[in-house]
All heavy atoms as atom14 arrays in JSON, in Angstrom:
{
  "sequence": "ELNKQWRNKNMPTDVLSFCALEGEQFPKTDEGQILGEIFISTEKAK",
  "atom14_mask": [
    [1, 1, 1, 1, 1, 1, 1, 1, 1, 0, 0, 0, 0, 0],
    [1, 1, 1, 1, 1, 1, 1, 1, 0, 0, 0, 0, 0, 0],
    [1, 1, 1, 1, 1, 1, 1, 1, 0, 0, 0, 0, 0, 0],
    [1, 1, 1, 1, 1, 1, 1, 1, 1, 0, 0, 0, 0, 0],
    [1, 1, 1, 1, 1, 1, 1, 1, 1, 0, 0, 0, 0, 0],
    [1, 1, 1, 1, 1, 1, 1, 1, 1, 1, 1, 1, 1, 1],
    [1, 1, 1, 1, 1, 1, 1, 1, 1, 1, 1, 0, 0, 0],
    [1, 1, 1, 1, 1, 1, 1, 1, 0, 0, 0, 0, 0, 0],
    [1, 1, 1, 1, 1, 1, 1, 1, 1, 0, 0, 0, 0, 0],
    [1, 1, 1, 1, 1, 1, 1, 1, 0, 0, 0, 0, 0, 0],
    [1, 1, 1, 1, 1, 1, 1, 1, 0, 0, 0, 0, 0, 0],
    [1, 1, 1, 1, 1, 1, 1, 0, 0, 0, 0, 0, 0, 0],
    [1, 1, 1, 1, 1, 1, 1, 0, 0, 0, 0, 0, 0, 0],
    [1, 1, 1, 1, 1, 1, 1, 1, 0, 0, 0, 0, 0, 0],
    [1, 1, 1, 1, 1, 1, 1, 0, 0, 0, 0, 0, 0, 0],
    [1, 1, 1, 1, 1, 1, 1, 1, 0, 0, 0, 0, 0, 0],
    [1, 1, 1, 1, 1, 1, 0, 0, 0, 0, 0, 0, 0, 0],
    [1, 1, 1, 1, 1, 1, 1, 1, 1, 1, 1, 0, 0, 0],
    [1, 1, 1, 1, 1, 1, 0, 0, 0, 0, 0, 0, 0, 0],
    [1, 1, 1, 1, 1, 0, 0, 0, 0, 0, 0, 0, 0, 0],
    [1, 1, 1, 1, 1, 1, 1, 1, 0, 0, 0, 0, 0, 0],
    [1, 1, 1, 1, 1, 1, 1, 1, 1, 0, 0, 0, 0, 0],
    [1, 1, 1, 1, 0, 0, 0, 0, 0, 0, 0, 0, 0, 0],
    [1, 1, 1, 1, 1, 1, 1, 1, 1, 0, 0, 0, 0, 0],
    [1, 1, 1, 1, 1, 1, 1, 1, 1, 0, 0, 0, 0, 0],
    [1, 1, 1, 1, 1, 1, 1, 1, 1, 1, 1, 0, 0, 0],
    [1, 1, 1, 1, 1, 1, 1, 0, 0, 0, 0, 0, 0, 0],
    [1, 1, 1, 1, 1, 1, 1, 1, 1, 0, 0, 0, 0, 0],
    [1, 1, 1, 1, 1, 1, 1, 0, 0, 0, 0, 0, 0, 0],
    [1, 1, 1, 1, 1, 1, 1, 1, 0, 0, 0, 0, 0, 0],
    [1, 1, 1, 1, 1, 1, 1, 1, 1, 0, 0, 0, 0, 0],
    [1, 1, 1, 1, 0, 0, 0, 0, 0, 0, 0, 0, 0, 0],
    [1, 1, 1, 1, 1, 1, 1, 1, 1, 0, 0, 0, 0, 0],
    [1, 1, 1, 1, 1, 1, 1, 1, 0, 0, 0, 0, 0, 0],
    [1, 1, 1, 1, 1, 1, 1, 1, 0, 0, 0, 0, 0, 0],
    [1, 1, 1, 1, 0, 0, 0, 0, 0, 0, 0, 0, 0, 0],
    [1, 1, 1, 1, 1, 1, 1, 1, 1, 0, 0, 0, 0, 0],
    [1, 1, 1, 1, 1, 1, 1, 1, 0, 0, 0, 0, 0, 0],
    [1, 1, 1, 1, 1, 1, 1, 1, 1, 1, 1, 0, 0, 0],
    [1, 1, 1, 1, 1, 1, 1, 1, 0, 0, 0, 0, 0, 0],
    [1, 1, 1, 1, 1, 1, 0, 0, 0, 0, 0, 0, 0, 0],
    [1, 1, 1, 1, 1, 1, 1, 0, 0, 0, 0, 0, 0, 0],
    [1, 1, 1, 1, 1, 1, 1, 1, 1, 0, 0, 0, 0, 0],
    [1, 1, 1, 1, 1, 1, 1, 1, 1, 0, 0, 0, 0, 0],
    [1, 1, 1, 1, 1, 0, 0, 0, 0, 0, 0, 0, 0, 0],
    [1, 1, 1, 1, 1, 1, 1, 1, 1, 0, 0, 0, 0, 0]
  ],
  "atom14_positions": [
    [[0.84, -1.2, 0.0], [0.0, 0.01, 0.0], [0.87, 1.26, -0.01], [0.58, 2.21, -0.72], [-0.97, 0.01, 1.21], [-2.13, -0.92, 1.06], [-3.01, -0.59, -0.12], [-3.33, 0.61, -0.36], [-3.37, -1.52, -0.87], [0.0, 0.0, 0.0], [0.0, 0.0, 0.0], [0.0, 0.0, 0.0], [0.0, 0.0, 0.0], [0.0, 0.0, 0.0]],
    [[1.91, 1.26, 0.81], [2.82, 2.42, 0.84], [3.54, 2.57, -0.48], [3.7, 3.69, -0.99], [3.84, 2.25, 1.96], [3.31, 2.4, 3.38], [4.37, 1.95, 4.4], [2.89, 3.83, 3.65], [0.0, 0.0, 0.0], [0.0, 0.0, 0.0], [0.0, 0.0, 0.0], [0.0, 0.0, 0.0], [0.0, 0.0, 0.0], [0.0, 0.0, 0.0]],
    [[3.98, 1.45, -1.04], [4.68, 1.48, -2.33], [3.76, 2.02, -3.42], [4.21, 2.78, -4.29], [5.19, 0.06, -2.67], [6.37, 0.05, -3.6], [7.08, 1.05, -3.76], [6.6, -1.09, -4.2], [0.0, 0.0, 0.0], [0.0, 0.0, 0.0], [0.0, 0.0, 0.0], [0.0, 0.0, 0.0], [0.0, 0.0, 0.0], [0.0, 0.0, 0.0]],
    [[2.52, 1.64, -3.39], [1.55, 2.1, -4.38], [1.3, 3.6, -4.19], [1.29, 4.37, -5.17], [0.23, 1.32, -4.22], [-0.84, 1.71, -5.2], [-2.08, 0.86, -4.97], [-3.2, 1.29, -5.88], [-4.43, 0.52, -5.58], [0.0, 0.0, 0.0], [0.0, 0.0, 0.0], [0.0, 0.0, 0.0], [0.0, 0.0, 0.0], [0.0, 0.0, 0.0]],
    [[1.1, 4.01, -2.95], [0.8, 5.4, -2.67], [1.93, 6.35, -2.99], [1.74, 7.39, -3.56], [0.39, 5.53, -1.18], [0.1, 6.95, -0.76], [-0.24, 7.06, 0.7], [-0.36, 6.07, 1.4], [-0.42, 8.26, 1.17], [0.0, 0.0, 0.0], [0.0, 0.0, 0.0], [0.0, 0.0, 0.0], [0.0, 0.0, 0.0], [0.0, 0.0, 0.0]],
    [[3.16, 5.96, -2.62], [4.29, 6.9, -2.71], [5.18, 6.71, -3.91], [5.89, 7.63, -4.31], [5.12, 6.85, -1.42], [4.34, 7.34, -0.26], [3.72, 6.57, 0.68], [4.02, 8.69, 0.05], [3.05, 7.36, 1.58], [3.22, 8.69, 1.21], [4.34, 9.91, -0.56], [2.74, 9.85, 1.79], [3.87, 11.07, 0.04], [3.09, 11.03, 1.19]],
    [[5.17, 5.48, -4.5], [6.05, 5.25, -5.65], [5.28, 4.79, -6.88], [5.87, 4.47, -7.88], [7.1, 4.19, -5.26], [8.0, 4.64, -4.12], [9.04, 3.62, -3.73], [9.97, 3.37, -4.83], [10.3, 2.16, -5.26], [9.8, 1.1, -4.69], [11.13, 2.02, -6.25], [0.0, 0.0, 0.0], [0.0, 0.0, 0.0], [0.0, 0.0, 0.0]],
    [[3.95, 4.73, -6.75], [3.09, 4.32, -7.85], [3.45, 2.92, -8.36], [3.35, 2.64, -9.54], [3.12, 5.34, -8.98], [1.88, 5.28, -9.82], [0.82, 4.9, -9.36], [1.99, 5.64, -11.09], [0.0, 0.0, 0.0], [0.0, 0.0, 0.0], [0.0, 0.0, 0.0], [0.0, 0.0, 0.0], [0.0, 0.0, 0.0], [0.0, 0.0, 0.0]],
    [[3.87, 2.04, -7.44], [4.22, 0.65, -7.77], [3.34, -0.24, -6.93], [3.54, -0.31, -5.7], [5.71, 0.4, -7.52], [6.61, 1.18, -8.44], [8.04, 0.79, -8.25], [8.88, 1.6, -9.26], [10.27, 1.14, -9.28], [0.0, 0.0, 0.0], [0.0, 0.0, 0.0], [0.0, 0.0, 0.0], [0.0, 0.0, 0.0], [0.0, 0.0, 0.0]],
    [[2.42, -0.93, -7.55], [1.45, -1.75, -6.84], [1.98, -3.16, -6.6], [1.49, -4.11, -7.2], [0.12, -1.76, -7.59], [-1.0, -2.36, -6.76], [-0.87, -2.51, -5.55], [-2.08, -2.73, -7.43], [0.0, 0.0, 0.0], [0.0, 0.0, 0.0], [0.0, 0.0, 0.0], [0.0, 0.0, 0.0], [0.0, 0.0, 0.0], [0.0, 0.0, 0.0]],
    [[3.02, -3.25, -5.78], [3.59, -4.56, -5.44], [4.35, -4.39, -4.12], [4.8, -3.3, -3.78], [4.53, -5.03, -6.54], [5.69, -4.12, -6.8], [6.58, -4.69, -8.23], [8.04, -3.67, -8.12], [0.0, 0.0, 0.0], [0.0, 0.0, 0.0], [0.0, 0.0, 0.0], [0.0, 0.0, 0.0], [0.0, 0.0, 0.0], [0.0, 0.0, 0.0]],
    [[4.48, -5.5, -3.39], [5.24, -5.41, -2.14], [6.73, -5.22, -2.47], [7.19, -5.62, -3.54], [5.01, -6.73, -1.46], [4.48, -7.67, -2.49], [3.89, -6.84, -3.59], [0.0, 0.0, 0.0], [0.0, 0.0, 0.0], [0.0, 0.0, 0.0], [0.0, 0.0, 0.0], [0.0, 0.0, 0.0], [0.0, 0.0, 0.0], [0.0, 0.0, 0.0]],
    [[7.41, -4.57, -1.57], [8.85, -4.36, -1.69], [9.48, -4.71, -0.36], [8.78, -4.92, 0.62], [9.18, -2.91, -2.13], [10.57, -2.83, -2.45], [8.81, -1.9, -1.08], [0.0, 0.0, 0.0], [0.0, 0.0, 0.0], [0.0, 0.0, 0.0], [0.0, 0.0, 0.0], [0.0, 0.0, 0.0], [0.0, 0.0, 0.0], [0.0, 0.0, 0.0]],
    [[10.79, -4.76, -0.31], [11.44, -5.15, 0.92], [11.61, -4.01, 1.91], [11.38, -4.14, 3.09], [12.79, -5.82, 0.65], [13.68, -5.04, -0.3], [13.33, -3.9, -0.68], [14.75, -5.57, -0.67], [0.0, 0.0, 0.0], [0.0, 0.0, 0.0], [0.0, 0.0, 0.0], [0.0, 0.0, 0.0], [0.0, 0.0, 0.0], [0.0, 0.0, 0.0]],
    [[12.01, -2.86, 1.39], [12.26, -1.7, 2.27], [11.84, -0.4, 1.55], [12.03, -0.28, 0.35], [13.76, -1.64, 2.67], [14.67, -1.51, 1.49], [14.02, -0.55, 3.71], [0.0, 0.0, 0.0], [0.0, 0.0, 0.0], [0.0, 0.0, 0.0], [0.0, 0.0, 0.0], [0.0, 0.0, 0.0], [0.0, 0.0, 0.0], [0.0, 0.0, 0.0]],
    [[11.29, 0.5, 2.33], [10.97, 1.85, 1.86], [11.53, 2.82, 2.85], [11.43, 2.62, 4.08], [9.46, 2.06, 1.75], [8.73, 1.36, 0.62], [7.23, 1.57, 0.75], [9.2, 1.91, -0.73], [0.0, 0.0, 0.0], [0.0, 0.0, 0.0], [0.0, 0.0, 0.0], [0.0, 0.0, 0.0], [0.0, 0.0, 0.0], [0.0, 0.0, 0.0]],
    [[12.11, 3.9, 2.35], [12.66, 4.95, 3.21], [12.03, 6.26, 2.87], [11.83, 6.58, 1.69], [14.17, 5.09, 3.01], [14.82, 3.89, 3.28], [0.0, 0.0, 0.0], [0.0, 0.0, 0.0], [0.0, 0.0, 0.0], [0.0, 0.0, 0.0], [0.0, 0.0, 0.0], [0.0, 0.0, 0.0], [0.0, 0.0, 0.0], [0.0, 0.0, 0.0]],
    [[11.72, 7.01, 3.89], [11.14, 8.33, 3.69], [11.97, 9.35, 4.49], [12.02, 9.26, 5.69], [9.68, 8.39, 4.15], [8.79, 7.45, 3.39], [8.51, 6.2, 3.89], [8.27, 7.83, 2.17], [7.7, 5.31, 3.2], [7.45, 6.95, 1.45], [7.17, 5.69, 1.96], [0.0, 0.0, 0.0], [0.0, 0.0, 0.0], [0.0, 0.0, 0.0]],
    [[12.59, 10.24, 3.76], [13.35, 11.33, 4.4], [12.33, 12.32, 4.96], [11.3, 12.59, 4.32], [14.25, 11.99, 3.38], [15.37, 13.19, 4.09], [0.0, 0.0, 0.0], [0.0, 0.0, 0.0], [0.0, 0.0, 0.0], [0.0, 0.0, 0.0], [0.0, 0.0, 0.0], [0.0, 0.0, 0.0], [0.0, 0.0, 0.0], [0.0, 0.0, 0.0]],
    [[12.57, 12.85, 6.14], [11.59, 13.73, 6.8], [11.17, 14.88, 5.92], [9.99, 15.08, 5.67], [12.13, 14.21, 8.13], [0.0, 0.0, 0.0], [0.0, 0.0, 0.0], [0.0, 0.0, 0.0], [0.0, 0.0, 0.0], [0.0, 0.0, 0.0], [0.0, 0.0, 0.0], [0.0, 0.0, 0.0], [0.0, 0.0, 0.0], [0.0, 0.0, 0.0]],
    [[12.07, 15.65, 5.45], [11.77, 16.74, 4.52], [12.92, 16.86, 3.54], [13.87, 17.61, 3.75], [11.57, 18.08, 5.26], [10.26, 18.27, 5.95], [10.28, 19.59, 6.73], [9.1, 18.26, 4.98], [0.0, 0.0, 0.0], [0.0, 0.0, 0.0], [0.0, 0.0, 0.0], [0.0, 0.0, 0.0], [0.0, 0.0, 0.0], [0.0, 0.0, 0.0]],
    [[12.87, 16.07, 2.5], [13.99, 15.99, 1.58], [14.35, 17.36, 1.04], [13.54, 18.12, 0.58], [13.6, 15.07, 0.41], [14.68, 14.09, 0.1], [14.21, 13.0, -0.82], [13.29, 12.29, -0.45], [14.81, 12.91, -1.91], [0.0, 0.0, 0.0], [0.0, 0.0, 0.0], [0.0, 0.0, 0.0], [0.0, 0.0, 0.0], [0.0, 0.0, 0.0]],
    [[15.66, 17.67, 1.16], [16.18, 18.9, 0.62], [15.92, 20.12, 1.51], [16.28, 21.22, 1.16], [0.0, 0.0, 0.0], [0.0, 0.0, 0.0], [0.0, 0.0, 0.0], [0.0, 0.0, 0.0], [0.0, 0.0, 0.0], [0.0, 0.0, 0.0], [0.0, 0.0, 0.0], [0.0, 0.0, 0.0], [0.0, 0.0, 0.0], [0.0, 0.0, 0.0]],
    [[15.29, 19.93, 2.64], [15.01, 21.04, 3.54], [15.56, 20.74, 4.92], [16.07, 19.66, 5.17], [13.49, 21.26, 3.64], [12.84, 21.62, 2.29], [11.34, 21.81, 2.42], [10.88, 22.15, 3.52], [10.67, 21.63, 1.41], [0.0, 0.0, 0.0], [0.0, 0.0, 0.0], [0.0, 0.0, 0.0], [0.0, 0.0, 0.0], [0.0, 0.0, 0.0]],
    [[15.41, 21.7, 5.82], [15.84, 21.51, 7.2], [14.98, 20.4, 7.83], [13.76, 20.38, 7.64], [15.66, 22.81, 7.99], [16.18, 22.75, 9.38], [17.68, 22.62, 9.45], [18.38, 22.77, 8.48], [18.17, 22.3, 10.63], [0.0, 0.0, 0.0], [0.0, 0.0, 0.0], [0.0, 0.0, 0.0], [0.0, 0.0, 0.0], [0.0, 0.0, 0.0]],
    [[15.58, 19.49, 8.55], [14.84, 18.44, 9.2], [13.99, 19.03, 10.32], [14.43, 19.93, 11.04], [15.78, 17.39, 9.83], [16.53, 16.57, 8.82], [17.89, 16.69, 8.67], [15.86, 15.65, 8.0], [18.59, 15.94, 7.74], [16.56, 14.88, 7.09], [17.91, 15.04, 6.94], [0.0, 0.0, 0.0], [0.0, 0.0, 0.0], [0.0, 0.0, 0.0]],
    [[12.74, 18.56, 10.48], [11.9, 19.06, 11.57], [12.49, 18.62, 12.94], [13.2, 17.66, 13.01], [10.55, 18.41, 11.31], [10.84, 17.23, 10.5], [12.09, 17.54, 9.72], [0.0, 0.0, 0.0], [0.0, 0.0, 0.0], [0.0, 0.0, 0.0], [0.0, 0.0, 0.0], [0.0, 0.0, 0.0], [0.0, 0.0, 0.0], [0.0, 0.0, 0.0]],
    [[12.14, 19.39, 13.96], [12.67, 19.1, 15.3], [11.54, 18.68, 16.22], [10.4, 19.12, 16.08], [13.37, 20.32, 15.89], [14.63, 20.68, 15.14], [15.39, 21.74, 15.9], [16.55, 22.25, 15.08], [17.78, 21.73, 15.3], [0.0, 0.0, 0.0], [0.0, 0.0, 0.0], [0.0, 0.0, 0.0], [0.0, 0.0, 0.0], [0.0, 0.0, 0.0]],
    [[11.87, 17.78, 17.16], [10.96, 17.4, 18.24], [11.74, 17.59, 19.53], [12.88, 18.02, 19.52], [10.55, 15.91, 18.12], [11.68, 15.1, 18.37], [9.97, 15.59, 16.75], [0.0, 0.0, 0.0], [0.0, 0.0, 0.0], [0.0, 0.0, 0.0], [0.0, 0.0, 0.0], [0.0, 0.0, 0.0], [0.0, 0.0, 0.0], [0.0, 0.0, 0.0]],
    [[11.11, 17.23, 20.65], [11.8, 17.33, 21.93], [13.03, 16.41, 21.96], [13.94, 16.64, 22.73], [10.85, 16.92, 23.08], [9.75, 17.95, 23.25], [9.91, 19.09, 22.81], [8.74, 17.6, 23.87], [0.0, 0.0, 0.0], [0.0, 0.0, 0.0], [0.0, 0.0, 0.0], [0.0, 0.0, 0.0], [0.0, 0.0, 0.0], [0.0, 0.0, 0.0]],
    [[13.0, 15.38, 21.14], [14.1, 14.4, 21.09], [15.13, 14.73, 20.02], [16.04, 13.96, 19.76], [13.56, 12.99, 20.88], [12.64, 12.56, 22.01], [11.94, 11.26, 21.7], [12.0, 10.77, 20.56], [11.32, 10.73, 22.63], [0.0, 0.0, 0.0], [0.0, 0.0, 0.0], [0.0, 0.0, 0.0], [0.0, 0.0, 0.0], [0.0, 0.0, 0.0]],
    [[14.98, 15.84, 19.35], [15.92, 16.23, 18.28], [15.25, 16.2, 16.92], [14.03, 16.14, 16.79], [0.0, 0.0, 0.0], [0.0, 0.0, 0.0], [0.0, 0.0, 0.0], [0.0, 0.0, 0.0], [0.0, 0.0, 0.0], [0.0, 0.0, 0.0], [0.0, 0.0, 0.0], [0.0, 0.0, 0.0], [0.0, 0.0, 0.0], [0.0, 0.0, 0.0]],
    [[16.08, 16.22, 15.89], [15.59, 16.21, 14.52], [15.0, 14.86, 14.14], [15.53, 13.83, 14.53], [16.71, 16.52, 13.56], [17.37, 17.84, 13.73], [18.48, 18.06, 12.77], [18.23, 18.48, 11.66], [19.7, 17.76, 13.15], [0.0, 0.0, 0.0], [0.0, 0.0, 0.0], [0.0, 0.0, 0.0], [0.0, 0.0, 0.0], [0.0, 0.0, 0.0]],
    [[13.96, 14.89, 13.38], [13.41, 13.67, 12.8], [14.09, 13.53, 11.44], [13.92, 14.39, 10.56], [11.9, 13.72, 12.64], [11.23, 13.9, 14.0], [11.4, 12.48, 11.94], [9.75, 14.21, 13.92], [0.0, 0.0, 0.0], [0.0, 0.0, 0.0], [0.0, 0.0, 0.0], [0.0, 0.0, 0.0], [0.0, 0.0, 0.0], [0.0, 0.0, 0.0]],
    [[14.88, 12.49, 11.27], [15.61, 12.31, 10.0], [14.78, 11.59, 8.98], [14.85, 11.89, 7.78], [16.9, 11.56, 10.27], [17.85, 12.2, 11.27], [19.1, 11.36, 11.45], [18.22, 13.63, 10.84], [0.0, 0.0, 0.0], [0.0, 0.0, 0.0], [0.0, 0.0, 0.0], [0.0, 0.0, 0.0], [0.0, 0.0, 0.0], [0.0, 0.0, 0.0]],
    [[13.99, 10.6, 9.41], [13.17, 9.87, 8.46], [12.59, 8.61, 9.05], [12.78, 8.31, 10.24], [0.0, 0.0, 0.0], [0.0, 0.0, 0.0], [0.0, 0.0, 0.0], [0.0, 0.0, 0.0], [0.0, 0.0, 0.0], [0.0, 0.0, 0.0], [0.0, 0.0, 0.0], [0.0, 0.0, 0.0], [0.0, 0.0, 0.0], [0.0, 0.0, 0.0]],
    [[11.94, 7.87, 8.19], [11.28, 6.64, 8.59], [11.61, 5.54, 7.59], [11.63, 5.77, 6.4], [9.76, 6.91, 8.59], [8.96, 5.91, 9.3], [7.56, 6.42, 9.6], [7.04, 7.31, 8.91], [6.97, 5.9, 10.57], [0.0, 0.0, 0.0], [0.0, 0.0, 0.0], [0.0, 0.0, 0.0], [0.0, 0.0, 0.0], [0.0, 0.0, 0.0]],
    [[11.88, 4.35, 8.12], [12.19, 3.19, 7.31], [11.15, 2.12, 7.61], [10.85, 1.83, 8.74], [13.61, 2.63, 7.65], [14.68, 3.69, 7.38], [13.89, 1.37, 6.84], [16.03, 3.34, 7.94], [0.0, 0.0, 0.0], [0.0, 0.0, 0.0], [0.0, 0.0, 0.0], [0.0, 0.0, 0.0], [0.0, 0.0, 0.0], [0.0, 0.0, 0.0]],
    [[10.58, 1.56, 6.52], [9.63, 0.46, 6.64], [10.27, -0.79, 6.05], [10.79, -0.74, 4.92], [8.35, 0.75, 5.85], [7.5, 1.83, 6.44], [7.76, 3.15, 6.22], [6.44, 1.5, 7.27], [6.98, 4.16, 6.77], [5.64, 2.48, 7.84], [5.91, 3.81, 7.57], [0.0, 0.0, 0.0], [0.0, 0.0, 0.0], [0.0, 0.0, 0.0]],
    [[10.25, -1.87, 6.8], [10.77, -3.16, 6.31], [9.66, -4.18, 6.4], [9.07, -4.39, 7.45], [12.0, -3.63, 7.1], [13.17, -2.66, 6.91], [12.4, -5.05, 6.73], [14.4, -2.98, 7.75], [0.0, 0.0, 0.0], [0.0, 0.0, 0.0], [0.0, 0.0, 0.0], [0.0, 0.0, 0.0], [0.0, 0.0, 0.0], [0.0, 0.0, 0.0]],
    [[9.42, -4.88, 5.27], [8.49, -5.99, 5.28], [9.21, -7.22, 5.77], [10.13, -7.72, 5.1], [7.92, -6.23, 3.89], [7.25, -7.5, 3.86], [0.0, 0.0, 0.0], [0.0, 0.0, 0.0], [0.0, 0.0, 0.0], [0.0, 0.0, 0.0], [0.0, 0.0, 0.0], [0.0, 0.0, 0.0], [0.0, 0.0, 0.0], [0.0, 0.0, 0.0]],
    [[8.83, -7.73, 6.94], [9.48, -8.93, 7.46], [9.12, -10.15, 6.59], [9.96, -11.06, 6.47], [9.09, -9.21, 8.94], [7.68, -9.21, 9.06], [9.7, -8.15, 9.84], [0.0, 0.0, 0.0], [0.0, 0.0, 0.0], [0.0, 0.0, 0.0], [0.0, 0.0, 0.0], [0.0, 0.0, 0.0], [0.0, 0.0, 0.0], [0.0, 0.0, 0.0]],
    [[7.97, -10.12, 5.96], [7.61, -11.21, 5.04], [8.59, -11.27, 3.87], [9.11, -12.32, 3.5], [6.19, -11.06, 4.5], [5.11, -11.41, 5.49], [3.72, -11.2, 4.84], [3.32, -12.13, 4.08], [3.12, -10.17, 5.08], [0.0, 0.0, 0.0], [0.0, 0.0, 0.0], [0.0, 0.0, 0.0], [0.0, 0.0, 0.0], [0.0, 0.0, 0.0]],
    [[8.8, -10.13, 3.25], [9.71, -10.04, 2.1], [11.15, -10.34, 2.54], [11.9, -11.01, 1.83], [9.62, -8.65, 1.49], [10.22, -8.54, 0.12], [9.46, -9.4, -0.83], [9.27, -8.76, -2.17], [8.79, -9.72, -3.14], [0.0, 0.0, 0.0], [0.0, 0.0, 0.0], [0.0, 0.0, 0.0], [0.0, 0.0, 0.0], [0.0, 0.0, 0.0]],
    [[11.52, -9.85, 3.73], [12.87, -10.11, 4.21], [13.09, -11.61, 4.44], [14.18, -12.13, 4.14], [13.1, -9.34, 5.53], [0.0, 0.0, 0.0], [0.0, 0.0, 0.0], [0.0, 0.0, 0.0], [0.0, 0.0, 0.0], [0.0, 0.0, 0.0], [0.0, 0.0, 0.0], [0.0, 0.0, 0.0], [0.0, 0.0, 0.0], [0.0, 0.0, 0.0]],
    [[12.09, -12.3, 4.93], [12.22, -13.76, 5.12], [12.39, -14.46, 3.8], [13.22, -15.37, 3.66], [10.97, -14.31, 5.83], [10.93, -14.01, 7.29], [9.64, -14.55, 7.91], [9.53, -14.14, 9.36], [8.25, -14.54, 9.95], [0.0, 0.0, 0.0], [0.0, 0.0, 0.0], [0.0, 0.0, 0.0], [0.0, 0.0, 0.0], [0.0, 0.0, 0.0]]
  ]
}
């Protein structure tokens, strides 16, 4: 679903990475900058 929504590829993939704000200043939280989010399909990894 994420691959379809963000990459227009309607198939499972092993890993997807999303940079917090590509090309811009990273947003900040109480814990510091949010650099990004990584999704890993454990099914695909297996």
